Amino acid sequence: MPKLYFSTKMITQTYYPEHNLAINSTVDMIFNWHNKTLMVIEDDYVSFLFLKDVLSKTRIKIKRAISLKQSLDFLAAKNKIDLIIVNANMLGENIYKSILEIKRLNQLIPIIAKTAQYSVETQSSCIEAGCDTYIYSHIDVSQLLITIDELLDKSSIISSLILKGKP
């Protein structure tokens, strides 16, 4: 069976001050997370479909929880989850308390908070609750993919160190 990968282009700019020259370059980023599982905690179906569509090309397995209680039940049952994206603006939910509970169940699981409120206060609240990072609801797909890749790599390294008995 052929291996499928999803790639996106990342545009970088290198500035050479001695020549007052900036060079743009395009780099192909390839993502293949076939052995990873993502939980999306999202009560808005359209937002979930958007994330699912964007991420499906990476071959990551995607689970959806429509409430924080459902996500906690899923995690408490010891289901394998490598990363969580949570809508920080879910109605009627205490997102910050729930993130703390998720981290109590699995302190190593990376969590990305997604919110429509782009403010320093909201960002600080998400990070203080235990989220690893924060993204704005108007998602830059390339940046999302890079962020997920970095968090999955970091989580894999930490997990392997723990398995080897190193702090």
Foldseek 3Di string as FASTA:
>chain_A
DDDAKDKDKDWDWDADVVVRDIDIDIDIDIAAPLVAEEEEADQDPVLVVVVCVLCVSNNHHYHYHPALVSVLVCVVVVDGHQEYEYAPPDPPDPSLVSLLSSCVSPVLRAYEYEYQDPDPVVQVSCVVSRHPGYYYSVDPSVVVVVVVVVSSVVSVVVVVCVVVVHD
